[in-house]
């Protein structure tokens, strides 16, 4: 059986479906269309932070997209 990482926000559980570098890609366990991207704090990897701005959001999406393309090969 595979271990699943679960994080809670606002009384919702989010399941980790991918991690690339310090970015975590999470999906709501009850609504898979509800996703979020968080990043690990560089001083405390147990602390997850929101992304700084749209540029960082675009960077995180690009990393995910490029990683997904590699997985298809």
C-alpha atoms as a PDB file:
ATOM      1  CA  UNK A   1       0.000   0.000   0.000  1.00  0.00           C
ATOM      2  CA  UNK A   2       1.285   3.458  -0.916  1.00  0.00           C
ATOM      3  CA  UNK A   3       1.505   6.221   1.682  1.00  0.00           C
ATOM      4  CA  UNK A   4      -0.480   9.390   0.908  1.00  0.00           C
ATOM      5  CA  UNK A   5       0.435  12.836   2.197  1.00  0.00           C
ATOM      6  CA  UNK A   6      -2.594  14.881   3.301  1.00  0.00           C
ATOM      7  CA  UNK A   7      -2.617  18.569   4.245  1.00  0.00           C
ATOM      8  CA  UNK A   8      -5.567  20.459   5.744  1.00  0.00           C
ATOM      9  CA  UNK A   9      -6.742  24.011   4.998  1.00  0.00           C
ATOM     10  CA  UNK A  10     -10.070  25.598   5.920  1.00  0.00           C
ATOM     11  CA  UNK A  11     -11.565  22.264   7.029  1.00  0.00           C
ATOM     12  CA  UNK A  12     -10.641  20.621   3.707  1.00  0.00           C
ATOM     13  CA  UNK A  13      -8.117  17.865   3.120  1.00  0.00           C
ATOM     14  CA  UNK A  14      -5.744  18.211   0.194  1.00  0.00           C
ATOM     15  CA  UNK A  15      -3.809  15.252  -1.173  1.00  0.00           C
ATOM     16  CA  UNK A  16      -0.297  15.678  -2.512  1.00  0.00           C
ATOM     17  CA  UNK A  17      -0.284  14.443  -6.104  1.00  0.00           C
ATOM     18  CA  UNK A  18       3.098  15.795  -7.182  1.00  0.00           C
ATOM     19  CA  UNK A  19       6.185  17.466  -5.763  1.00  0.00           C
ATOM     20  CA  UNK A  20       8.791  19.161  -7.912  1.00  0.00           C
ATOM     21  CA  UNK A  21      11.662  20.821  -6.121  1.00  0.00           C
ATOM     22  CA  UNK A  22      10.120  22.774  -3.276  1.00  0.00           C
ATOM     23  CA  UNK A  23       6.695  23.072  -4.966  1.00  0.00           C
ATOM     24  CA  UNK A  24       3.828  20.862  -3.806  1.00  0.00           C
ATOM     25  CA  UNK A  25       0.804  20.265  -6.029  1.00  0.00           C
ATOM     26  CA  UNK A  26      -2.290  19.429  -4.001  1.00  0.00           C
ATOM     27  CA  UNK A  27      -5.851  18.372  -4.816  1.00  0.00           C
ATOM     28  CA  UNK A  28      -8.931  18.542  -2.597  1.00  0.00           C
ATOM     29  CA  UNK A  29      -9.898  14.983  -1.677  1.00  0.00           C
ATOM     30  CA  UNK A  30     -13.607  15.740  -2.214  1.00  0.00           C
ATOM     31  CA  UNK A  31     -13.248  17.920  -5.307  1.00  0.00           C
ATOM     32  CA  UNK A  32     -10.337  17.063  -7.631  1.00  0.00           C
ATOM     33  CA  UNK A  33     -10.944  20.291  -9.576  1.00  0.00           C
ATOM     34  CA  UNK A  34      -9.954  22.244  -6.464  1.00  0.00           C
ATOM     35  CA  UNK A  35      -6.165  22.309  -6.638  1.00  0.00           C
ATOM     36  CA  UNK A  36      -3.492  24.458  -5.063  1.00  0.00           C
ATOM     37  CA  UNK A  37       0.231  24.918  -5.330  1.00  0.00           C
ATOM     38  CA  UNK A  38       2.281  25.637  -2.235  1.00  0.00           C
ATOM     39  CA  UNK A  39       6.010  25.812  -1.603  1.00  0.00           C
ATOM     40  CA  UNK A  40       8.139  24.610   1.257  1.00  0.00           C
ATOM     41  CA  UNK A  41       9.730  27.270   3.409  1.00  0.00           C
ATOM     42  CA  UNK A  42      13.490  27.195   2.809  1.00  0.00           C
ATOM     43  CA  UNK A  43      14.139  27.327   6.581  1.00  0.00           C
ATOM     44  CA  UNK A  44      11.401  24.885   7.636  1.00  0.00           C
ATOM     45  CA  UNK A  45      10.298  22.251   5.086  1.00  0.00           C
ATOM     46  CA  UNK A  46       7.276  21.409   7.257  1.00  0.00           C
ATOM     47  CA  UNK A  47       5.908  24.916   6.699  1.00  0.00           C
ATOM     48  CA  UNK A  48       4.029  25.385   3.410  1.00  0.00           C
ATOM     49  CA  UNK A  49       3.735  28.877   1.994  1.00  0.00           C
ATOM     50  CA  UNK A  50       1.591  30.423  -0.732  1.00  0.00           C
ATOM     51  CA  UNK A  51       3.318  31.477  -3.926  1.00  0.00           C
ATOM     52  CA  UNK A  52       4.640  35.042  -3.991  1.00  0.00           C
ATOM     53  CA  UNK A  53       3.043  36.340  -7.182  1.00  0.00           C
ATOM     54  CA  UNK A  54       1.815  35.521 -10.691  1.00  0.00           C
ATOM     55  CA  UNK A  55       5.373  35.038 -11.949  1.00  0.00           C
ATOM     56  CA  UNK A  56       6.061  32.355  -9.373  1.00  0.00           C
ATOM     57  CA  UNK A  57       2.684  30.743 -10.138  1.00  0.00           C
ATOM     58  CA  UNK A  58       3.591  30.631 -13.844  1.00  0.00           C
ATOM     59  CA  UNK A  59       7.006  29.156 -12.978  1.00  0.00           C
ATOM     60  CA  UNK A  60       5.394  26.426 -10.859  1.00  0.00           C
ATOM     61  CA  UNK A  61       2.922  25.594 -13.643  1.00  0.00           C
ATOM     62  CA  UNK A  62       5.727  25.460 -16.202  1.00  0.00           C
ATOM     63  CA  UNK A  63       7.701  23.069 -13.982  1.00  0.00           C
ATOM     64  CA  UNK A  64       4.644  20.844 -13.621  1.00  0.00           C
ATOM     65  CA  UNK A  65       3.921  20.923 -17.361  1.00  0.00           C
ATOM     66  CA  UNK A  66       7.528  20.134 -18.304  1.00  0.00           C
ATOM     67  CA  UNK A  67       7.655  17.318 -15.735  1.00  0.00           C
ATOM     68  CA  UNK A  68       4.401  15.849 -17.102  1.00  0.00           C
ATOM     69  CA  UNK A  69       5.817  15.916 -20.638  1.00  0.00           C
ATOM     70  CA  UNK A  70       8.908  13.997 -19.490  1.00  0.00           C
ATOM     71  CA  UNK A  71       6.688  11.387 -17.819  1.00  0.00           C
ATOM     72  CA  UNK A  72       4.855  10.797 -21.125  1.00  0.00           C
ATOM     73  CA  UNK A  73       8.037   9.776 -22.958  1.00  0.00           C
END
